[in-house]
Amino acid sequence: MASLIQRFVWRLQYTALRLAEMGLQCFPVETNLKTARFVGGLLYCLDRKHRDRAHENLQASFPSLSRQAVQRLARRSCEHLLMLGVEVLCMPRLVQFNRFLDILDISQALPYFQELATKRRAILVTGHFGNWELVGYSMSAMGFHATSVARPLDNPLLNRHILRLRERTGQHIILKRGMAEEAVAALHCGRPLAFIADQDAGRRGFFVDFFGRKASAYKSIAYLAMEENAVIYVGGAYRTGSGFHYRLVVTDRIDPADYPKGVDSAMAITARYTAGLERTVRFAPDQYLWVHRRWKTRPPEERRSAERGPG
């Protein structure tokens, strides 16, 4: 049970968020985005811990880039993160059923929407890239009421409020822990199932290549796709220009019917959707969350080598 101090901190955080949200409604979105970009640049300068992590991840992922180019990408990534936060808080006002196509260019993804309309079971895979919230929000606005798998926020007050924002257009959110039955039920009801699949999956994940390094990826997505014969679509929405305008791209379509059931196939599908995520990020590397610990868990062979030490 949370302590009195913890509950007080949660309440302060919630109040601060609601006050910020109220203030954002008083200005046009472009003004809010300019302010967020400035705050993001300031945060980049002040937060050394996350700045250094972003530099490390970017340098390892793009070894040919100069130090100055890495710093520019890291700063723009931080600016984009703050801009994304503003957009999420303003999304109910900005994304309306009659004008979401003014915000999101879906021309590249139209063939995939036509397939979704046939009610074939589908799993949508994206990462912490661009505006991942806009993907689910806009799909619901188009009538594809997706079910998204998410990790709850630590602050229950913030968690309830953000969930209400995310579900306002008909998107349904289920919690990652214990989600298996609900996920299968959603697929059986014809609802696309959406995952943000670029988080570290720990020692039990499949270790696959992501930007030239092994990263632990969730194996449950591949197994679920094979078990339920659900097509996996990999992609994301990235900002075009400096305002609230995005383009939706699909970088891979993976049909589990092309693979025999088994561990090797699950590994191959996991590696393939992770490669699709990498291609998605390369559309706009400055819009990826480089501060998160994507490569935290190392594969067994690296751990054994580290335990043995040099020589």
Protein backbone atom coordinates (compact mmCIF):
# COMPACT_ATOMS: atom_id res chain seq x y z
CA MET A 1 0.00 0.00 0.00
CA ALA A 2 1.31 3.45 -0.95
CA SER A 3 2.57 5.66 1.86
CA LEU A 4 1.02 9.02 2.68
CA ILE A 5 4.02 10.80 1.13
CA GLN A 6 3.73 8.73 -2.06
CA ARG A 7 0.03 9.52 -2.38
CA PHE A 8 0.80 13.21 -1.86
CA VAL A 9 3.43 13.11 -4.64
CA TRP A 10 0.97 11.35 -6.94
CA ARG A 11 -1.62 14.03 -6.25
CA LEU A 12 0.90 16.81 -6.98
CA GLN A 13 1.90 15.17 -10.26
CA TYR A 14 -1.73 14.75 -11.29
CA THR A 15 -2.57 18.37 -10.41
CA ALA A 16 0.44 19.66 -12.34
CA LEU A 17 -0.57 17.62 -15.40
CA ARG A 18 -4.18 18.87 -15.32
CA LEU A 19 -3.04 22.48 -14.94
CA ALA A 20 -0.66 22.07 -17.88
CA GLU A 21 -3.43 20.44 -19.89
CA MET A 22 -5.78 23.32 -19.10
CA GLY A 23 -3.15 25.86 -20.15
CA LEU A 24 -2.51 24.06 -23.43
CA GLN A 25 -6.17 24.39 -24.42
CA CYS A 26 -5.80 28.18 -24.40
CA PHE A 27 -3.37 28.32 -27.33
CA PRO A 28 -3.17 26.99 -30.89
CA VAL A 29 -1.35 23.70 -31.26
CA GLU A 30 1.48 25.26 -33.27
CA THR A 31 2.21 27.69 -30.42
CA ASN A 32 2.18 24.83 -27.93
CA LEU A 33 4.57 22.80 -30.08
CA LYS A 34 7.04 25.70 -30.29
CA THR A 35 6.96 26.01 -26.50
CA ALA A 36 7.42 22.24 -26.12
CA ARG A 37 10.37 22.30 -28.50
CA PHE A 38 12.03 25.01 -26.42
CA VAL A 39 11.40 23.11 -23.16
CA GLY A 40 12.71 19.92 -24.76
CA GLY A 41 15.93 21.68 -25.76
CA LEU A 42 16.29 23.02 -22.23
CA LEU A 43 15.72 19.55 -20.78
CA TYR A 44 18.38 18.14 -23.09
CA CYS A 45 20.89 20.61 -21.67
CA LEU A 46 19.96 19.98 -18.01
CA ASP A 47 19.39 16.21 -17.89
CA ARG A 48 22.90 14.84 -18.24
CA LYS A 49 21.99 11.23 -17.38
CA HIS A 50 19.48 10.78 -20.20
CA ARG A 51 21.49 12.96 -22.59
CA ASP A 52 24.52 10.70 -22.18
CA ARG A 53 22.36 7.58 -22.66
CA ALA A 54 20.92 9.01 -25.88
CA HIS A 55 24.41 9.84 -27.13
CA GLU A 56 25.61 6.31 -26.34
CA ASN A 57 22.67 4.63 -28.07
CA LEU A 58 22.89 6.84 -31.14
CA GLN A 59 26.65 6.46 -31.53
CA ALA A 60 26.35 2.66 -31.31
CA SER A 61 23.43 2.60 -33.76
CA PHE A 62 24.97 5.03 -36.28
CA PRO A 63 28.75 4.54 -35.89
CA SER A 64 29.53 6.61 -38.96
CA LEU A 65 27.95 9.77 -37.54
CA SER A 66 30.13 12.52 -36.16
CA ARG A 67 29.84 13.57 -32.52
CA GLN A 68 28.11 16.80 -33.60
CA ALA A 69 25.54 14.88 -35.66
CA VAL A 70 24.84 12.55 -32.71
CA GLN A 71 24.30 15.55 -30.44
CA ARG A 72 21.91 17.15 -32.93
CA LEU A 73 19.87 13.95 -33.22
CA ALA A 74 19.76 13.50 -29.44
CA ARG A 75 18.60 17.08 -28.91
CA ARG A 76 15.90 16.81 -31.56
CA SER A 77 14.76 13.50 -30.06
CA CYS A 78 14.33 15.21 -26.69
CA GLU A 79 12.46 18.10 -28.32
CA HIS A 80 10.19 15.66 -30.12
CA LEU A 81 9.39 13.83 -26.87
CA LEU A 82 8.09 17.03 -25.27
CA MET A 83 6.14 17.88 -28.43
CA LEU A 84 4.61 14.41 -28.33
CA GLY A 85 3.49 14.98 -24.74
CA VAL A 86 1.70 18.16 -25.79
CA GLU A 87 0.01 16.38 -28.67
CA VAL A 88 -1.22 13.54 -26.47
CA LEU A 89 -2.80 15.96 -24.00
CA CYS A 90 -4.44 17.91 -26.82
CA MET A 91 -5.40 14.95 -28.98
CA PRO A 92 -9.13 14.83 -28.15
CA ARG A 93 -9.38 18.40 -29.40
CA LEU A 94 -7.07 17.97 -32.39
CA VAL A 95 -8.07 14.59 -33.84
CA GLN A 96 -11.72 14.74 -34.86
CA PHE A 97 -13.54 12.16 -36.94
CA ASN A 98 -14.09 14.67 -39.74
CA ARG A 99 -10.55 16.04 -40.00
CA PHE A 100 -7.98 13.45 -38.92
CA LEU A 101 -6.91 13.02 -42.57
CA ASP A 102 -5.74 16.65 -42.46
CA ILE A 103 -3.29 15.55 -39.79
CA LEU A 104 -2.30 12.04 -40.87
CA ASP A 105 -1.24 11.01 -44.39
CA ILE A 106 -2.32 7.36 -44.76
CA SER A 107 -1.79 7.03 -48.53
CA GLN A 108 1.11 4.55 -48.20
CA ALA A 109 -0.90 2.32 -45.85
CA LEU A 110 -4.20 2.23 -47.77
CA PRO A 111 -3.77 -1.34 -49.13
CA TYR A 112 -3.29 -2.60 -45.58
CA PHE A 113 -6.44 -0.84 -44.36
CA GLN A 114 -8.35 -2.58 -47.14
CA GLU A 115 -7.11 -5.91 -45.80
CA LEU A 116 -8.02 -4.94 -42.24
CA ALA A 117 -11.55 -4.24 -43.45
CA THR A 118 -11.91 -7.94 -44.32
CA LYS A 119 -11.73 -8.68 -40.56
CA ARG A 120 -8.65 -10.89 -40.94
CA ARG A 121 -7.09 -11.19 -37.50
CA ALA A 122 -4.33 -8.61 -37.22
CA ILE A 123 -1.55 -7.60 -34.86
CA LEU A 124 -0.14 -4.07 -35.18
CA VAL A 125 3.46 -3.56 -34.09
CA THR A 126 5.07 -0.17 -33.59
CA GLY A 127 7.72 1.33 -31.31
CA HIS A 128 8.46 4.46 -29.30
CA PHE A 129 8.72 6.36 -32.54
CA GLY A 130 6.95 9.40 -33.97
CA ASN A 131 3.49 9.66 -32.43
CA TRP A 132 2.61 6.11 -31.46
CA GLU A 133 -0.56 7.33 -29.72
CA LEU A 134 -1.83 8.90 -32.94
CA VAL A 135 -1.72 5.52 -34.69
CA GLY A 136 -4.26 3.89 -32.37
CA TYR A 137 -6.29 7.07 -32.02
CA SER A 138 -6.66 7.57 -35.78
CA MET A 139 -7.39 3.92 -36.46
CA SER A 140 -10.29 4.13 -34.04
CA ALA A 141 -11.45 7.30 -35.78
CA MET A 142 -11.52 5.31 -39.03
CA GLY A 143 -13.64 2.59 -37.46
CA PHE A 144 -10.85 0.09 -36.72
CA HIS A 145 -11.28 -0.02 -32.95
CA ALA A 146 -7.94 -1.43 -31.91
CA THR A 147 -7.10 -3.03 -28.58
CA SER A 148 -3.73 -1.80 -27.36
CA VAL A 149 -1.49 -3.56 -24.86
CA ALA A 150 0.18 -1.14 -22.45
CA ARG A 151 2.14 -1.02 -19.22
CA PRO A 152 0.33 1.01 -16.53
CA LEU A 153 1.91 4.20 -15.23
CA ASP A 154 3.25 4.08 -11.68
CA ASN A 155 0.98 6.96 -10.64
CA PRO A 156 -2.59 5.55 -10.61
CA LEU A 157 -4.15 9.02 -10.92
CA LEU A 158 -2.14 9.80 -14.05
CA ASN A 159 -2.77 6.30 -15.34
CA ARG A 160 -6.57 6.63 -15.14
CA HIS A 161 -6.52 10.05 -16.80
CA ILE A 162 -4.24 9.01 -19.67
CA LEU A 163 -6.33 5.88 -20.21
CA ARG A 164 -9.44 8.04 -20.58
CA LEU A 165 -7.67 10.17 -23.19
CA ARG A 166 -6.47 7.12 -25.11
CA GLU A 167 -9.86 5.40 -25.10
CA ARG A 168 -11.93 8.44 -26.07
CA THR A 169 -12.30 7.40 -29.73
CA GLY A 170 -13.05 3.76 -29.04
CA GLN A 171 -9.55 2.34 -28.59
CA HIS A 172 -9.45 -0.20 -25.76
CA ILE A 173 -6.40 -0.54 -23.51
CA ILE A 174 -5.46 -3.75 -21.72
CA LEU A 175 -2.62 -4.12 -19.26
CA LYS A 176 0.45 -6.07 -20.29
CA ARG A 177 0.46 -8.25 -17.19
CA GLY A 178 -2.10 -11.03 -17.52
CA MET A 179 -3.28 -9.81 -20.90
CA ALA A 180 -3.36 -13.17 -22.73
CA GLU A 181 -7.08 -13.95 -22.43
CA GLU A 182 -8.18 -10.40 -23.27
CA ALA A 183 -5.79 -10.25 -26.23
CA VAL A 184 -7.12 -13.48 -27.71
CA ALA A 185 -10.71 -12.34 -27.12
CA ALA A 186 -10.01 -9.07 -28.96
CA LEU A 187 -8.64 -10.94 -31.98
CA HIS A 188 -11.64 -13.27 -32.01
CA CYS A 189 -13.93 -10.20 -32.01
CA GLY A 190 -12.19 -8.82 -35.10
CA ARG A 191 -10.38 -6.02 -33.28
CA PRO A 192 -6.75 -5.37 -34.30
CA LEU A 193 -4.34 -5.92 -31.41
CA ALA A 194 -1.62 -3.28 -31.05
CA PHE A 195 1.76 -3.58 -29.33
CA ILE A 196 4.59 -1.14 -28.66
CA ALA A 197 7.20 -3.82 -29.18
CA ASP A 198 10.58 -2.15 -28.79
CA GLN A 199 10.95 -2.49 -25.01
CA ASP A 200 13.56 -4.67 -23.37
CA ALA A 201 12.02 -8.12 -22.81
CA GLY A 202 14.55 -9.31 -20.24
CA ARG A 203 16.42 -12.60 -20.20
CA ARG A 204 13.39 -14.59 -21.38
CA GLY A 205 13.08 -12.71 -24.68
CA PHE A 206 14.50 -13.61 -28.07
CA PHE A 207 17.79 -11.85 -28.77
CA VAL A 208 17.61 -10.36 -32.26
CA ASP A 209 19.44 -7.66 -34.20
CA PHE A 210 18.31 -4.07 -33.73
CA PHE A 211 20.55 -1.37 -35.19
CA GLY A 212 23.51 -3.75 -35.32
CA ARG A 213 23.30 -4.99 -31.73
CA LYS A 214 21.47 -7.83 -30.04
CA ALA A 215 18.35 -6.70 -28.21
CA SER A 216 15.86 -8.73 -26.19
CA ALA A 217 12.47 -8.77 -27.94
CA TYR A 218 9.09 -10.12 -26.89
CA LYS A 219 8.49 -13.64 -28.18
CA SER A 220 4.79 -13.60 -27.21
CA ILE A 221 3.85 -11.56 -30.29
CA ALA A 222 5.18 -14.22 -32.67
CA TYR A 223 3.61 -17.09 -30.74
CA LEU A 224 0.26 -15.30 -30.57
CA ALA A 225 0.33 -14.59 -34.31
CA MET A 226 1.06 -18.23 -35.14
CA GLU A 227 -1.53 -19.58 -32.73
CA GLU A 228 -4.31 -17.25 -33.91
CA ASN A 229 -3.22 -17.00 -37.57
CA ALA A 230 -3.01 -13.21 -37.25
CA VAL A 231 -1.12 -11.09 -39.78
CA ILE A 232 1.50 -8.79 -38.23
CA TYR A 233 1.76 -5.25 -39.62
CA VAL A 234 4.87 -3.28 -38.65
CA GLY A 235 5.08 0.48 -38.96
CA GLY A 236 4.53 3.85 -37.35
CA ALA A 237 3.61 7.50 -37.83
CA TYR A 238 6.36 10.11 -38.11
CA ARG A 239 6.17 13.90 -38.09
CA THR A 240 6.53 15.69 -41.42
CA GLY A 241 7.63 19.28 -40.99
CA SER A 242 7.59 21.04 -37.63
CA GLY A 243 3.87 21.04 -36.85
CA PHE A 244 1.15 18.52 -36.06
CA HIS A 245 1.31 16.61 -39.35
CA TYR A 246 2.27 12.95 -39.65
CA ARG A 247 2.72 10.24 -42.24
CA LEU A 248 1.77 6.63 -41.55
CA VAL A 249 4.08 3.96 -42.99
CA VAL A 250 3.93 0.17 -42.97
CA THR A 251 7.37 -1.38 -43.31
CA ASP A 252 6.47 -5.06 -43.23
CA ARG A 253 3.54 -7.46 -43.40
CA ILE A 254 4.24 -10.84 -41.82
CA ASP A 255 1.84 -13.71 -42.45
CA PRO A 256 2.38 -16.53 -39.92
CA ALA A 257 0.95 -18.99 -42.46
CA ASP A 258 4.29 -18.70 -44.26
CA TYR A 259 6.06 -20.26 -41.27
CA PRO A 260 5.73 -23.73 -39.70
CA LYS A 261 4.83 -23.63 -36.03
CA GLY A 262 7.80 -23.94 -33.70
CA VAL A 263 10.50 -22.10 -31.81
CA ASP A 264 12.62 -21.43 -34.90
CA SER A 265 9.68 -19.79 -36.67
CA ALA A 266 8.85 -17.71 -33.61
CA MET A 267 12.47 -16.55 -33.54
CA ALA A 268 12.39 -15.72 -37.26
CA ILE A 269 9.14 -13.74 -36.95
CA THR A 270 10.49 -11.84 -33.94
CA ALA A 271 13.68 -10.97 -35.82
CA ARG A 272 11.62 -9.88 -38.81
CA TYR A 273 9.25 -7.57 -36.95
CA THR A 274 12.23 -6.07 -35.10
CA ALA A 275 13.94 -5.42 -38.45
CA GLY A 276 10.72 -3.78 -39.61
CA LEU A 277 10.80 -1.51 -36.57
CA GLU A 278 14.37 -0.53 -37.41
CA ARG A 279 13.34 0.40 -40.97
CA THR A 280 10.49 2.44 -39.51
CA VAL A 281 12.81 4.38 -37.19
CA ARG A 282 15.16 5.14 -40.08
CA PHE A 283 12.45 7.29 -41.70
CA ALA A 284 13.05 9.85 -38.93
CA PRO A 285 15.73 8.81 -36.40
CA ASP A 286 15.30 12.06 -34.48
CA GLN A 287 11.78 10.95 -33.54
CA TYR A 288 12.83 7.80 -31.71
CA LEU A 289 13.07 7.51 -27.92
CA TRP A 290 16.84 7.05 -27.72
CA VAL A 291 16.86 7.68 -23.97
CA HIS A 292 15.17 4.37 -23.14
CA ARG A 293 17.24 1.30 -22.27
CA ARG A 294 16.48 -0.80 -25.33
CA TRP A 295 19.72 -2.80 -25.08
CA LYS A 296 19.66 -3.22 -21.30
CA THR A 297 19.60 -7.05 -21.19
CA ARG A 298 22.55 -8.69 -22.89
CA PRO A 299 22.47 -12.14 -24.56
CA PRO A 300 23.79 -15.16 -22.61
CA GLU A 301 27.08 -15.37 -24.51
CA GLU A 302 27.91 -11.74 -23.64
CA ARG A 303 27.00 -12.27 -20.00
CA ARG A 304 29.17 -15.39 -19.77
CA SER A 305 32.08 -13.53 -21.39
CA ALA A 306 31.69 -10.65 -18.92
CA GLU A 307 31.63 -13.08 -15.97
CA ARG A 308 34.86 -14.77 -17.14
CA GLY A 309 36.57 -11.44 -17.48
CA PRO A 310 39.54 -10.56 -19.73
CA GLY A 311 41.88 -13.29 -20.81
